[in-house]
Amino acid sequence: MASSLLISFRGSWVKILSKSSSIFCINFPDGSLKLSIYDALLPFLFINTFRYLGLTFMAKEQFYDGFPQEFLTTVGLLDFTTAILAIISLVALKNKWRFAIPLVWIFNIIGFGDLVTAFPQFFGLKLYDQNLGFIWLMFITYGLVTFLSHIYIFIRLFRNLKKKSST
């Protein structure tokens, strides 16, 4: 019998782990895709509003000394930029401003780019061999959640583009 870790939000199921396979999948029941793009993206943007915590990377005494300063500065500033864009995009989506969706595109590209550049550097520096304490927990939990949120946001943005081009 396969056991899985499933996360549900408004009827959307995201399968994270499975003992029987290492396949990552996202399954959207019919009801979840009927939400407007504005309503569907709100919780996933909210998750990213806490990315300002990346600024703690810039506090020298906060972390393991093996972190290169340029890595810490880049991660800190990109996380902070992503958090600010998430907050602005959240307000724009909530109020259904006409530039909300283009703003979400900008947020998602910058935020996803931040994760895609930071994760390989983190592993390349072999920082997982160091005693990073709480940072390790944040990396494997919150980092994964934000990564998955960006994937979902891209899926919804591309479906929205496809929907607009077909009408």
N, C-alpha and C. Protein backbone atom coordinates (compact mmCIF):
# COMPACT_ATOMS: atom_id res chain seq x y z
N MET A 1 0.85 -1.18 0.00
CA MET A 1 0.00 0.00 0.00
C MET A 1 0.89 1.24 0.00
N ALA A 2 0.62 2.13 -0.88
CA ALA A 2 1.41 3.35 -1.00
C ALA A 2 0.88 4.40 -0.04
N SER A 3 1.78 5.05 0.65
CA SER A 3 1.36 6.16 1.49
C SER A 3 1.88 7.45 0.87
N SER A 4 1.10 8.47 0.96
CA SER A 4 1.45 9.74 0.34
C SER A 4 1.19 10.88 1.29
N LEU A 5 1.89 11.97 1.07
CA LEU A 5 1.62 13.20 1.78
C LEU A 5 0.86 14.09 0.81
N LEU A 6 -0.36 14.42 1.15
CA LEU A 6 -1.18 15.25 0.28
C LEU A 6 -1.49 16.55 0.99
N ILE A 7 -1.43 17.62 0.24
CA ILE A 7 -1.79 18.93 0.76
C ILE A 7 -2.99 19.39 -0.04
N SER A 8 -4.03 19.84 0.64
CA SER A 8 -5.23 20.28 -0.05
C SER A 8 -5.45 21.75 0.20
N PHE A 9 -5.81 22.45 -0.85
CA PHE A 9 -6.22 23.83 -0.70
C PHE A 9 -7.37 24.08 -1.64
N ARG A 10 -8.52 24.39 -1.09
CA ARG A 10 -9.73 24.66 -1.88
C ARG A 10 -9.98 23.58 -2.92
N GLY A 11 -9.80 22.33 -2.55
CA GLY A 11 -10.11 21.24 -3.46
C GLY A 11 -8.98 20.84 -4.38
N SER A 12 -7.85 21.56 -4.39
CA SER A 12 -6.71 21.19 -5.21
C SER A 12 -5.79 20.31 -4.37
N TRP A 13 -5.41 19.18 -4.90
CA TRP A 13 -4.53 18.27 -4.18
C TRP A 13 -3.16 18.31 -4.80
N VAL A 14 -2.16 18.47 -3.98
CA VAL A 14 -0.78 18.44 -4.44
C VAL A 14 -0.11 17.26 -3.75
N LYS A 15 0.32 16.29 -4.55
CA LYS A 15 0.96 15.10 -4.00
C LYS A 15 2.45 15.38 -3.88
N ILE A 16 2.95 15.38 -2.66
CA ILE A 16 4.34 15.74 -2.41
C ILE A 16 5.24 14.50 -2.38
N LEU A 17 4.90 13.54 -1.56
CA LEU A 17 5.75 12.36 -1.37
C LEU A 17 4.94 11.09 -1.57
N SER A 18 5.59 10.10 -2.08
CA SER A 18 4.96 8.80 -2.21
C SER A 18 6.01 7.73 -1.99
N LYS A 19 5.73 6.75 -1.13
CA LYS A 19 6.69 5.68 -0.89
C LYS A 19 6.83 4.78 -2.11
N SER A 20 5.77 4.63 -2.88
CA SER A 20 5.81 3.70 -4.00
C SER A 20 6.52 4.28 -5.21
N SER A 21 6.62 5.58 -5.29
CA SER A 21 7.32 6.18 -6.44
C SER A 21 7.85 7.55 -6.04
N SER A 22 8.80 8.03 -6.79
CA SER A 22 9.35 9.35 -6.51
C SER A 22 8.81 10.37 -7.50
N ILE A 23 7.67 10.09 -8.05
CA ILE A 23 7.07 10.98 -9.06
C ILE A 23 6.34 12.11 -8.36
N PHE A 24 6.60 13.29 -8.81
CA PHE A 24 5.91 14.48 -8.32
C PHE A 24 4.73 14.72 -9.24
N CYS A 25 3.55 14.91 -8.69
CA CYS A 25 2.42 15.19 -9.56
C CYS A 25 1.50 16.19 -8.87
N ILE A 26 0.80 16.93 -9.70
CA ILE A 26 -0.22 17.84 -9.20
C ILE A 26 -1.52 17.42 -9.86
N ASN A 27 -2.52 17.17 -9.06
CA ASN A 27 -3.81 16.74 -9.57
C ASN A 27 -4.83 17.81 -9.22
N PHE A 28 -5.46 18.37 -10.22
CA PHE A 28 -6.45 19.40 -9.99
C PHE A 28 -7.83 18.84 -10.29
N PRO A 29 -8.65 18.63 -9.26
CA PRO A 29 -10.03 18.21 -9.53
C PRO A 29 -10.76 19.31 -10.31
N ASP A 30 -11.83 18.93 -10.96
CA ASP A 30 -12.56 19.87 -11.82
C ASP A 30 -12.92 21.17 -11.12
N GLY A 31 -13.31 21.12 -9.86
CA GLY A 31 -13.75 22.31 -9.15
C GLY A 31 -12.66 23.34 -8.93
N SER A 32 -11.41 22.90 -8.78
CA SER A 32 -10.34 23.84 -8.47
C SER A 32 -10.00 24.74 -9.64
N LEU A 33 -10.16 24.25 -10.85
CA LEU A 33 -9.84 25.05 -12.02
C LEU A 33 -10.98 25.98 -12.41
N LYS A 34 -12.10 25.87 -11.73
CA LYS A 34 -13.23 26.76 -12.02
C LYS A 34 -13.12 28.08 -11.27
N LEU A 35 -12.20 28.14 -10.32
CA LEU A 35 -11.97 29.40 -9.62
C LEU A 35 -11.41 30.42 -10.61
N SER A 36 -11.75 31.66 -10.41
CA SER A 36 -11.15 32.69 -11.25
C SER A 36 -9.66 32.73 -10.96
N ILE A 37 -8.89 33.19 -11.92
CA ILE A 37 -7.44 33.24 -11.71
C ILE A 37 -7.10 34.14 -10.54
N TYR A 38 -7.89 35.16 -10.32
CA TYR A 38 -7.65 36.07 -9.19
C TYR A 38 -7.80 35.33 -7.85
N ASP A 39 -8.86 34.54 -7.73
CA ASP A 39 -9.10 33.81 -6.49
C ASP A 39 -8.13 32.65 -6.33
N ALA A 40 -7.78 32.00 -7.42
CA ALA A 40 -6.90 30.83 -7.35
C ALA A 40 -5.47 31.19 -6.94
N LEU A 41 -5.01 32.36 -7.36
CA LEU A 41 -3.62 32.72 -7.10
C LEU A 41 -3.39 33.37 -5.73
N LEU A 42 -4.43 33.89 -5.12
CA LEU A 42 -4.27 34.60 -3.84
C LEU A 42 -3.52 33.81 -2.76
N PRO A 43 -3.91 32.58 -2.46
CA PRO A 43 -3.19 31.88 -1.38
C PRO A 43 -1.74 31.56 -1.74
N PHE A 44 -1.47 31.35 -3.01
CA PHE A 44 -0.11 31.01 -3.42
C PHE A 44 0.81 32.23 -3.41
N LEU A 45 0.23 33.39 -3.63
CA LEU A 45 1.00 34.62 -3.45
C LEU A 45 1.22 34.90 -1.97
N PHE A 46 0.21 34.62 -1.17
CA PHE A 46 0.33 34.86 0.27
C PHE A 46 1.48 34.06 0.86
N ILE A 47 1.66 32.83 0.42
CA ILE A 47 2.77 31.99 0.89
C ILE A 47 4.10 32.71 0.68
N ASN A 48 4.24 33.40 -0.42
CA ASN A 48 5.50 34.06 -0.77
C ASN A 48 5.70 35.40 -0.10
N THR A 49 4.71 35.91 0.60
CA THR A 49 4.89 37.20 1.28
C THR A 49 5.88 37.09 2.44
N PHE A 50 6.16 35.89 2.89
CA PHE A 50 7.11 35.70 3.99
C PHE A 50 8.54 35.51 3.51
N ARG A 51 8.79 35.71 2.23
CA ARG A 51 10.14 35.54 1.70
C ARG A 51 11.09 36.64 2.18
N TYR A 52 10.56 37.66 2.84
CA TYR A 52 11.43 38.69 3.41
C TYR A 52 12.37 38.09 4.45
N LEU A 53 12.04 36.91 4.95
CA LEU A 53 12.90 36.23 5.92
C LEU A 53 14.27 35.94 5.33
N GLY A 54 14.36 35.95 4.00
CA GLY A 54 15.65 35.76 3.34
C GLY A 54 16.64 36.87 3.66
N LEU A 55 16.14 38.00 4.14
CA LEU A 55 17.05 39.08 4.55
C LEU A 55 17.95 38.66 5.71
N THR A 56 17.50 37.68 6.47
CA THR A 56 18.33 37.23 7.58
C THR A 56 19.62 36.59 7.07
N PHE A 57 19.64 36.19 5.81
CA PHE A 57 20.86 35.65 5.22
C PHE A 57 21.98 36.70 5.21
N MET A 58 21.60 37.95 5.20
CA MET A 58 22.59 39.01 5.10
C MET A 58 23.21 39.38 6.45
N ALA A 59 22.66 38.87 7.54
CA ALA A 59 23.23 39.11 8.87
C ALA A 59 24.40 38.15 9.07
N LYS A 60 25.59 38.69 9.11
CA LYS A 60 26.81 37.89 9.12
C LYS A 60 26.86 36.86 10.26
N GLU A 61 26.51 37.26 11.44
CA GLU A 61 26.61 36.37 12.59
C GLU A 61 25.48 35.36 12.66
N GLN A 62 24.52 35.48 11.78
CA GLN A 62 23.33 34.63 11.82
C GLN A 62 23.59 33.22 11.30
N PHE A 63 24.58 33.07 10.45
CA PHE A 63 24.77 31.81 9.75
C PHE A 63 26.16 31.25 9.87
N TYR A 64 26.28 30.08 9.35
CA TYR A 64 27.55 29.37 9.24
C TYR A 64 28.54 30.24 8.46
N ASP A 65 29.79 30.31 8.91
CA ASP A 65 30.80 31.18 8.29
C ASP A 65 31.17 30.77 6.87
N GLY A 66 30.83 29.55 6.48
CA GLY A 66 31.20 29.07 5.15
C GLY A 66 30.36 29.64 4.02
N PHE A 67 29.31 30.36 4.34
CA PHE A 67 28.50 30.98 3.30
C PHE A 67 29.29 32.10 2.65
N PRO A 68 29.46 32.08 1.34
CA PRO A 68 30.09 33.23 0.68
C PRO A 68 29.17 34.45 0.80
N GLN A 69 29.74 35.59 1.08
CA GLN A 69 28.94 36.80 1.30
C GLN A 69 28.12 37.17 0.07
N GLU A 70 28.67 36.98 -1.14
CA GLU A 70 27.91 37.33 -2.35
C GLU A 70 26.67 36.44 -2.50
N PHE A 71 26.79 35.17 -2.09
CA PHE A 71 25.64 34.27 -2.12
C PHE A 71 24.57 34.76 -1.16
N LEU A 72 24.98 35.12 0.06
CA LEU A 72 24.02 35.58 1.06
C LEU A 72 23.32 36.86 0.63
N THR A 73 24.09 37.78 0.07
CA THR A 73 23.51 39.05 -0.38
C THR A 73 22.53 38.83 -1.52
N THR A 74 22.92 38.01 -2.49
CA THR A 74 22.04 37.73 -3.63
C THR A 74 20.75 37.08 -3.17
N VAL A 75 20.86 36.05 -2.35
CA VAL A 75 19.67 35.35 -1.85
C VAL A 75 18.81 36.31 -1.03
N GLY A 76 19.41 37.07 -0.15
CA GLY A 76 18.66 37.99 0.70
C GLY A 76 17.90 39.03 -0.09
N LEU A 77 18.58 39.66 -1.04
CA LEU A 77 17.94 40.73 -1.82
C LEU A 77 16.87 40.18 -2.77
N LEU A 78 17.13 39.04 -3.39
CA LEU A 78 16.12 38.46 -4.29
C LEU A 78 14.90 37.98 -3.52
N ASP A 79 15.12 37.40 -2.34
CA ASP A 79 13.99 36.99 -1.51
C ASP A 79 13.17 38.21 -1.08
N PHE A 80 13.84 39.27 -0.68
CA PHE A 80 13.14 40.49 -0.27
C PHE A 80 12.36 41.09 -1.44
N THR A 81 12.98 41.13 -2.61
CA THR A 81 12.30 41.63 -3.81
C THR A 81 11.07 40.79 -4.12
N THR A 82 11.21 39.48 -4.01
CA THR A 82 10.09 38.57 -4.26
C THR A 82 8.97 38.81 -3.26
N ALA A 83 9.31 39.01 -2.00
CA ALA A 83 8.28 39.26 -0.98
C ALA A 83 7.53 40.56 -1.26
N ILE A 84 8.26 41.60 -1.62
CA ILE A 84 7.61 42.89 -1.94
C ILE A 84 6.69 42.74 -3.14
N LEU A 85 7.18 42.07 -4.18
CA LEU A 85 6.34 41.85 -5.37
C LEU A 85 5.12 40.99 -5.04
N ALA A 86 5.29 40.02 -4.14
CA ALA A 86 4.16 39.18 -3.74
C ALA A 86 3.10 40.01 -3.03
N ILE A 87 3.52 40.89 -2.16
CA ILE A 87 2.57 41.74 -1.43
C ILE A 87 1.83 42.67 -2.38
N ILE A 88 2.57 43.31 -3.28
CA ILE A 88 1.94 44.22 -4.25
C ILE A 88 1.00 43.45 -5.16
N SER A 89 1.43 42.27 -5.62
CA SER A 89 0.59 41.44 -6.50
C SER A 89 -0.66 40.95 -5.76
N LEU A 90 -0.50 40.64 -4.49
CA LEU A 90 -1.63 40.20 -3.67
C LEU A 90 -2.69 41.28 -3.58
N VAL A 91 -2.27 42.49 -3.32
CA VAL A 91 -3.21 43.62 -3.26
C VAL A 91 -3.87 43.84 -4.62
N ALA A 92 -3.06 43.76 -5.68
CA ALA A 92 -3.60 43.96 -7.04
C ALA A 92 -4.62 42.88 -7.40
N LEU A 93 -4.32 41.64 -7.05
CA LEU A 93 -5.27 40.55 -7.34
C LEU A 93 -6.55 40.70 -6.52
N LYS A 94 -6.39 41.01 -5.25
CA LYS A 94 -7.56 41.14 -4.37
C LYS A 94 -8.50 42.23 -4.88
N ASN A 95 -7.92 43.31 -5.39
CA ASN A 95 -8.74 44.41 -5.90
C ASN A 95 -9.05 44.29 -7.39
N LYS A 96 -8.56 43.21 -8.00
CA LYS A 96 -8.80 42.91 -9.42
C LYS A 96 -8.40 44.08 -10.32
N TRP A 97 -7.22 44.65 -10.03
CA TRP A 97 -6.70 45.72 -10.86
C TRP A 97 -6.33 45.15 -12.22
N ARG A 98 -6.40 45.97 -13.26
CA ARG A 98 -6.17 45.49 -14.63
C ARG A 98 -4.74 45.04 -14.86
N PHE A 99 -3.79 45.55 -14.11
CA PHE A 99 -2.39 45.15 -14.28
C PHE A 99 -1.98 44.04 -13.30
N ALA A 100 -2.94 43.43 -12.62
CA ALA A 100 -2.64 42.41 -11.62
C ALA A 100 -1.95 41.19 -12.23
N ILE A 101 -2.47 40.68 -13.33
CA ILE A 101 -1.90 39.46 -13.92
C ILE A 101 -0.49 39.71 -14.47
N PRO A 102 -0.24 40.82 -15.20
CA PRO A 102 1.15 41.08 -15.60
C PRO A 102 2.10 41.22 -14.40
N LEU A 103 1.61 41.79 -13.31
CA LEU A 103 2.41 41.92 -12.10
C LEU A 103 2.72 40.54 -11.50
N VAL A 104 1.75 39.64 -11.54
CA VAL A 104 1.98 38.28 -11.05
C VAL A 104 3.02 37.57 -11.92
N TRP A 105 3.00 37.81 -13.23
CA TRP A 105 4.02 37.24 -14.12
C TRP A 105 5.41 37.72 -13.68
N ILE A 106 5.55 39.01 -13.44
CA ILE A 106 6.85 39.57 -13.02
C ILE A 106 7.28 38.95 -11.69
N PHE A 107 6.36 38.93 -10.72
CA PHE A 107 6.65 38.32 -9.43
C PHE A 107 7.11 36.87 -9.60
N ASN A 108 6.37 36.10 -10.38
CA ASN A 108 6.65 34.68 -10.49
C ASN A 108 7.97 34.39 -11.20
N ILE A 109 8.29 35.17 -12.20
CA ILE A 109 9.55 34.97 -12.91
C ILE A 109 10.73 35.30 -12.00
N ILE A 110 10.64 36.41 -11.28
CA ILE A 110 11.74 36.79 -10.36
C ILE A 110 11.84 35.80 -9.20
N GLY A 111 10.71 35.45 -8.60
CA GLY A 111 10.72 34.52 -7.47
C GLY A 111 11.21 33.13 -7.85
N PHE A 112 10.75 32.63 -8.98
CA PHE A 112 11.18 31.31 -9.43
C PHE A 112 12.65 31.34 -9.83
N GLY A 113 13.05 32.43 -10.47
CA GLY A 113 14.47 32.59 -10.84
C GLY A 113 15.36 32.60 -9.61
N ASP A 114 14.90 33.23 -8.55
CA ASP A 114 15.64 33.25 -7.29
C ASP A 114 15.85 31.83 -6.78
N LEU A 115 14.79 31.05 -6.74
CA LEU A 115 14.90 29.68 -6.24
C LEU A 115 15.76 28.80 -7.14
N VAL A 116 15.60 28.97 -8.43
CA VAL A 116 16.35 28.15 -9.39
C VAL A 116 17.84 28.45 -9.33
N THR A 117 18.21 29.68 -9.00
CA THR A 117 19.63 30.01 -8.87
C THR A 117 20.17 29.69 -7.48
N ALA A 118 19.35 29.83 -6.44
CA ALA A 118 19.83 29.62 -5.06
C ALA A 118 19.99 28.14 -4.72
N PHE A 119 19.04 27.30 -5.13
CA PHE A 119 19.10 25.88 -4.76
C PHE A 119 20.38 25.21 -5.24
N PRO A 120 20.76 25.33 -6.51
CA PRO A 120 22.01 24.67 -6.94
C PRO A 120 23.25 25.23 -6.23
N GLN A 121 23.26 26.52 -5.96
CA GLN A 121 24.40 27.10 -5.24
C GLN A 121 24.48 26.53 -3.83
N PHE A 122 23.33 26.39 -3.18
CA PHE A 122 23.27 25.84 -1.83
C PHE A 122 23.87 24.43 -1.82
N PHE A 123 23.46 23.62 -2.80
CA PHE A 123 23.97 22.25 -2.87
C PHE A 123 25.42 22.22 -3.35
N GLY A 124 25.79 23.13 -4.23
CA GLY A 124 27.15 23.20 -4.73
C GLY A 124 28.15 23.54 -3.64
N LEU A 125 27.74 24.32 -2.68
CA LEU A 125 28.61 24.68 -1.56
C LEU A 125 28.62 23.60 -0.48
N LYS A 126 27.83 22.56 -0.68
CA LYS A 126 27.71 21.44 0.28
C LYS A 126 27.36 21.94 1.68
N LEU A 127 26.47 22.89 1.70
CA LEU A 127 26.08 23.46 2.99
C LEU A 127 25.21 22.50 3.79
N TYR A 128 24.69 21.48 3.14
CA TYR A 128 23.90 20.48 3.85
C TYR A 128 24.77 19.66 4.80
N ASP A 129 26.09 19.71 4.64
CA ASP A 129 27.01 19.01 5.55
C ASP A 129 27.30 19.83 6.81
N GLN A 130 26.84 21.06 6.85
CA GLN A 130 27.12 21.94 7.98
C GLN A 130 25.95 21.95 8.95
N ASN A 131 26.21 22.37 10.16
CA ASN A 131 25.16 22.49 11.16
C ASN A 131 24.47 23.84 10.96
N LEU A 132 23.41 23.85 10.17
CA LEU A 132 22.71 25.09 9.84
C LEU A 132 21.49 25.33 10.72
N GLY A 133 21.16 24.37 11.57
CA GLY A 133 20.04 24.53 12.48
C GLY A 133 18.72 24.79 11.78
N PHE A 134 18.06 25.84 12.20
CA PHE A 134 16.73 26.18 11.71
C PHE A 134 16.72 26.49 10.21
N ILE A 135 17.83 26.97 9.69
CA ILE A 135 17.89 27.31 8.27
C ILE A 135 17.68 26.06 7.42
N TRP A 136 18.21 24.94 7.88
CA TRP A 136 18.01 23.70 7.12
C TRP A 136 16.53 23.34 7.07
N LEU A 137 15.85 23.48 8.19
CA LEU A 137 14.41 23.20 8.23
C LEU A 137 13.66 24.13 7.29
N MET A 138 14.01 25.41 7.29
CA MET A 138 13.35 26.35 6.38
C MET A 138 13.63 26.00 4.93
N PHE A 139 14.84 25.58 4.66
CA PHE A 139 15.21 25.25 3.29
C PHE A 139 14.40 24.07 2.76
N ILE A 140 14.27 23.02 3.57
CA ILE A 140 13.59 21.82 3.06
C ILE A 140 12.07 21.89 3.16
N THR A 141 11.53 22.80 3.95
CA THR A 141 10.08 22.92 4.05
C THR A 141 9.57 24.14 3.29
N TYR A 142 9.91 25.31 3.77
CA TYR A 142 9.40 26.53 3.15
C TYR A 142 9.94 26.69 1.72
N GLY A 143 11.18 26.30 1.51
CA GLY A 143 11.75 26.37 0.16
C GLY A 143 10.97 25.50 -0.82
N LEU A 144 10.62 24.29 -0.38
CA LEU A 144 9.84 23.39 -1.23
C LEU A 144 8.44 23.94 -1.49
N VAL A 145 7.81 24.46 -0.45
CA VAL A 145 6.46 25.02 -0.59
C VAL A 145 6.46 26.20 -1.56
N THR A 146 7.45 27.09 -1.44
CA THR A 146 7.49 28.23 -2.36
C THR A 146 7.78 27.77 -3.79
N PHE A 147 8.63 26.77 -3.94
CA PHE A 147 8.92 26.23 -5.27
C PHE A 147 7.64 25.68 -5.90
N LEU A 148 6.89 24.88 -5.14
CA LEU A 148 5.64 24.31 -5.65
C LEU A 148 4.61 25.40 -5.93
N SER A 149 4.60 26.45 -5.11
CA SER A 149 3.65 27.54 -5.35
C SER A 149 3.95 28.23 -6.68
N HIS A 150 5.23 28.39 -7.01
CA HIS A 150 5.59 29.00 -8.29
C HIS A 150 5.16 28.11 -9.46
N ILE A 151 5.30 26.81 -9.31
CA ILE A 151 4.87 25.88 -10.36
C ILE A 151 3.37 26.03 -10.60
N TYR A 152 2.60 26.03 -9.51
CA TYR A 152 1.15 26.18 -9.64
C TYR A 152 0.78 27.52 -10.28
N ILE A 153 1.45 28.58 -9.86
CA ILE A 153 1.16 29.90 -10.43
C ILE A 153 1.46 29.91 -11.93
N PHE A 154 2.59 29.32 -12.34
CA PHE A 154 2.89 29.24 -13.78
C PHE A 154 1.81 28.45 -14.52
N ILE A 155 1.36 27.35 -13.95
CA ILE A 155 0.31 26.55 -14.59
C ILE A 155 -0.93 27.40 -14.81
N ARG A 156 -1.35 28.11 -13.77
CA ARG A 156 -2.56 28.93 -13.89
C ARG A 156 -2.36 30.10 -14.85
N LEU A 157 -1.18 30.71 -14.85
CA LEU A 157 -0.92 31.82 -15.76
C LEU A 157 -0.93 31.35 -17.22
N PHE A 158 -0.31 30.21 -17.48
CA PHE A 158 -0.31 29.69 -18.85
C PHE A 158 -1.70 29.26 -19.30
N ARG A 159 -2.48 28.68 -18.40
CA ARG A 159 -3.86 28.32 -18.74
C ARG A 159 -4.69 29.57 -19.02
N ASN A 160 -4.42 30.62 -18.28
CA ASN A 160 -5.12 31.88 -18.50
C ASN A 160 -4.76 32.45 -19.88
N LEU A 161 -3.48 32.37 -20.25
CA LEU A 161 -3.07 32.82 -21.59
C LEU A 161 -3.74 32.01 -22.69
N LYS A 162 -3.76 30.70 -22.48
CA LYS A 162 -4.38 29.80 -23.47
C LYS A 162 -5.86 30.10 -23.60
N LYS A 163 -6.51 30.33 -22.47
CA LYS A 163 -7.95 30.64 -22.44
C LYS A 163 -8.22 31.95 -23.19
N LYS A 164 -7.38 32.97 -22.94
CA LYS A 164 -7.57 34.26 -23.59
C LYS A 164 -7.32 34.18 -25.09
N SER A 165 -6.34 33.38 -25.50
CA SER A 165 -6.03 33.29 -26.93
C SER A 165 -7.09 32.50 -27.70
N SER A 166 -7.82 31.61 -27.00
CA SER A 166 -8.85 30.82 -27.69
C SER A 166 -10.17 31.56 -27.79
N THR A 167 -10.31 32.66 -27.04
CA THR A 167 -11.58 33.41 -27.10
C THR A 167 -11.47 34.62 -27.99
